[in-house]
Amino acid sequence: MKAFQEYYPENVAHCYGCGRLNHAGHQIKTYWDGDETLTRFQPGPEHTAIPGFVYGGLLASLIDCHCTGTAAAAMYRAENRPMDSLPAFRFVTGSLHVDYLKPTPLGPELQIRGRIKEIRGRKVIVEAEVSADGVVTARGEVVAVQMPDSFKA
């Protein structure tokens, strides 16, 4: 099964968080897991905030890109279209809110789970949770907006 991000057309596959063509970035991969979506990410020592803990900006970035990918997949699913059909759905962040619930330990693989809260026209609202060793350490919500054609040049 291909990750959502593997379906992104080349002209919009350069994002630092989720772009498969950005070799310096996170290159996250998101999949359906029932009605939820799942991304797994292994932070490295460069993601340190203070020794032993993950930098909060990384968590925000993971939530952001997980949710915009989830929004695209949700639109394909809502329209009963395969993810490689055209025109391609691609989303950008209209709003990002993150609550840091407890420090995220550096070492364990992180899981980011997403749930579709609402689809309304060109907007999709996605809720996400980040967990380490089964403990939720951050929650977020993204209002994802369908990418304007002017961004796809």
Protein backbone atom coordinates (compact mmCIF):
# COMPACT_ATOMS: atom_id res chain seq x y z
CA MET A 1 0.00 0.00 0.00
CA LYS A 2 1.36 3.42 -0.98
CA ALA A 3 1.50 6.32 1.47
CA PHE A 4 -0.69 9.35 0.72
CA GLN A 5 2.42 11.42 0.05
CA GLU A 6 3.58 9.04 -2.68
CA TYR A 7 0.60 10.16 -4.78
CA TYR A 8 1.54 13.86 -4.69
CA PRO A 9 2.39 15.18 -8.15
CA GLU A 10 6.06 16.14 -8.52
CA ASN A 11 5.36 19.87 -8.63
CA VAL A 12 3.92 19.73 -5.07
CA ALA A 13 6.14 17.04 -3.52
CA HIS A 14 8.89 19.28 -2.05
CA CYS A 15 7.47 20.09 1.40
CA TYR A 16 10.00 19.85 4.23
CA GLY A 17 7.64 17.73 6.33
CA CYS A 18 5.99 15.47 3.78
CA GLY A 19 7.62 15.93 0.40
CA ARG A 20 9.11 12.76 -1.01
CA LEU A 21 11.39 14.91 -3.19
CA ASN A 22 12.85 16.86 -0.25
CA HIS A 23 15.69 14.60 0.83
CA ALA A 24 16.64 16.91 3.73
CA GLY A 25 13.09 16.85 5.13
CA HIS A 26 11.08 14.47 7.31
CA GLN A 27 9.47 12.60 4.36
CA ILE A 28 6.59 11.38 6.52
CA LYS A 29 4.36 8.64 5.20
CA THR A 30 0.68 8.50 6.12
CA TYR A 31 -1.75 5.61 5.67
CA TRP A 32 -5.38 4.81 6.40
CA ASP A 33 -5.88 2.76 9.56
CA GLY A 34 -9.61 2.12 9.47
CA ASP A 35 -11.32 5.52 9.72
CA GLU A 36 -8.18 7.08 11.19
CA THR A 37 -4.87 7.90 9.57
CA LEU A 38 -1.47 6.91 10.90
CA THR A 39 2.06 8.24 10.48
CA ARG A 40 5.08 6.78 12.26
CA PHE A 41 8.18 8.91 12.74
CA GLN A 42 11.49 8.21 14.43
CA PRO A 43 13.01 11.42 15.79
CA GLY A 44 16.78 11.68 15.76
CA PRO A 45 19.23 13.53 17.99
CA GLU A 46 18.87 16.64 15.79
CA HIS A 47 15.25 16.89 17.02
CA THR A 48 16.30 17.58 20.63
CA ALA A 49 14.76 20.42 22.64
CA ILE A 50 16.59 19.62 25.85
CA PRO A 51 18.47 16.38 26.39
CA GLY A 52 16.05 13.47 26.33
CA PHE A 53 13.07 15.36 24.85
CA VAL A 54 11.75 16.21 21.40
CA TYR A 55 11.63 19.78 20.11
CA GLY A 56 8.02 21.06 20.04
CA GLY A 57 8.42 22.54 16.56
CA LEU A 58 8.96 19.04 15.21
CA LEU A 59 5.69 17.91 16.77
CA ALA A 60 3.86 20.87 15.19
CA SER A 61 5.43 20.06 11.82
CA LEU A 62 4.42 16.40 12.06
CA ILE A 63 0.85 17.31 13.01
CA ASP A 64 0.70 19.87 10.20
CA CYS A 65 1.86 17.58 7.40
CA HIS A 66 0.01 14.54 8.73
CA CYS A 67 -3.23 16.53 8.70
CA THR A 68 -2.83 18.08 5.24
CA GLY A 69 -2.11 14.62 3.83
CA THR A 70 -5.12 13.26 5.69
CA ALA A 71 -7.26 16.06 4.23
CA ALA A 72 -6.28 15.08 0.68
CA ALA A 73 -7.00 11.40 1.33
CA ALA A 74 -10.33 12.29 2.94
CA MET A 75 -11.42 14.28 -0.13
CA TYR A 76 -10.53 11.40 -2.44
CA ARG A 77 -12.45 9.03 -0.18
CA ALA A 78 -15.45 11.40 0.03
CA GLU A 79 -15.58 11.59 -3.76
CA ASN A 80 -14.97 7.84 -4.12
CA ARG A 81 -11.92 8.51 -6.31
CA PRO A 82 -8.57 6.72 -6.39
CA MET A 83 -5.70 8.80 -5.02
CA ASP A 84 -3.91 8.82 -8.36
CA SER A 85 -6.88 10.35 -10.22
CA LEU A 86 -6.85 13.88 -11.61
CA PRO A 87 -7.31 16.61 -10.79
CA ALA A 88 -5.09 15.97 -7.79
CA PHE A 89 -6.23 17.07 -4.36
CA ARG A 90 -3.51 18.90 -2.46
CA PHE A 91 -3.99 20.93 0.71
CA VAL A 92 -2.19 23.72 2.53
CA THR A 93 -2.55 24.82 6.13
CA GLY A 94 -5.14 27.51 6.85
CA SER A 95 -4.84 27.10 10.61
CA LEU A 96 -2.70 25.01 12.93
CA HIS A 97 -3.37 24.63 16.65
CA VAL A 98 -1.20 22.45 18.89
CA ASP A 99 -1.60 21.64 22.58
CA TYR A 100 1.50 20.21 24.24
CA LEU A 101 0.19 17.89 26.96
CA LYS A 102 3.47 16.56 28.35
CA PRO A 103 7.11 16.36 27.29
CA THR A 104 7.71 13.97 24.39
CA PRO A 105 10.63 11.66 25.09
CA LEU A 106 13.39 11.40 22.52
CA GLY A 107 14.01 7.77 21.63
CA PRO A 108 10.68 6.03 21.02
CA GLU A 109 9.05 6.04 17.61
CA LEU A 110 6.24 8.60 17.48
CA GLN A 111 2.78 7.78 16.19
CA ILE A 112 0.57 10.50 14.78
CA ARG A 113 -3.10 9.54 14.44
CA GLY A 114 -5.59 11.68 12.58
CA ARG A 115 -9.38 11.85 12.47
CA ILE A 116 -11.56 13.79 10.06
CA LYS A 117 -13.64 16.25 12.03
CA GLU A 118 -15.37 17.95 9.11
CA ILE A 119 -15.32 18.34 5.34
CA ARG A 120 -16.83 21.62 4.16
CA GLY A 121 -16.32 22.70 0.56
CA ARG A 122 -12.59 23.28 -0.03
CA LYS A 123 -11.77 22.92 3.68
CA VAL A 124 -11.13 19.84 5.75
CA ILE A 125 -10.69 19.97 9.53
CA VAL A 126 -8.48 17.22 10.91
CA GLU A 127 -7.70 16.39 14.55
CA ALA A 128 -4.44 14.63 15.42
CA GLU A 129 -2.67 13.13 18.40
CA VAL A 130 1.03 12.44 18.83
CA SER A 131 1.99 9.57 21.11
CA ALA A 132 5.24 8.04 22.32
CA ASP A 133 5.18 4.57 23.88
CA GLY A 134 1.37 4.72 23.91
CA VAL A 135 1.21 8.02 25.83
CA VAL A 136 -0.42 11.00 24.09
CA THR A 137 1.97 13.95 24.38
CA ALA A 138 0.42 16.48 21.97
CA ARG A 139 -2.90 17.14 20.26
CA GLY A 140 -3.54 19.32 17.29
CA GLU A 141 -6.14 20.53 14.87
CA VAL A 142 -5.55 21.70 11.32
CA VAL A 143 -7.89 23.52 9.03
CA ALA A 144 -6.61 22.34 5.67
CA VAL A 145 -7.56 24.35 2.59
CA GLN A 146 -7.47 23.01 -0.94
CA MET A 147 -4.35 24.39 -2.60
CA PRO A 148 -5.01 27.23 -5.02
CA ASP A 149 -3.98 26.59 -8.62
CA SER A 150 -1.45 29.46 -8.38
CA PHE A 151 0.62 27.34 -5.95
CA LYS A 152 0.92 24.45 -8.40
CA ALA A 153 3.09 26.21 -10.97
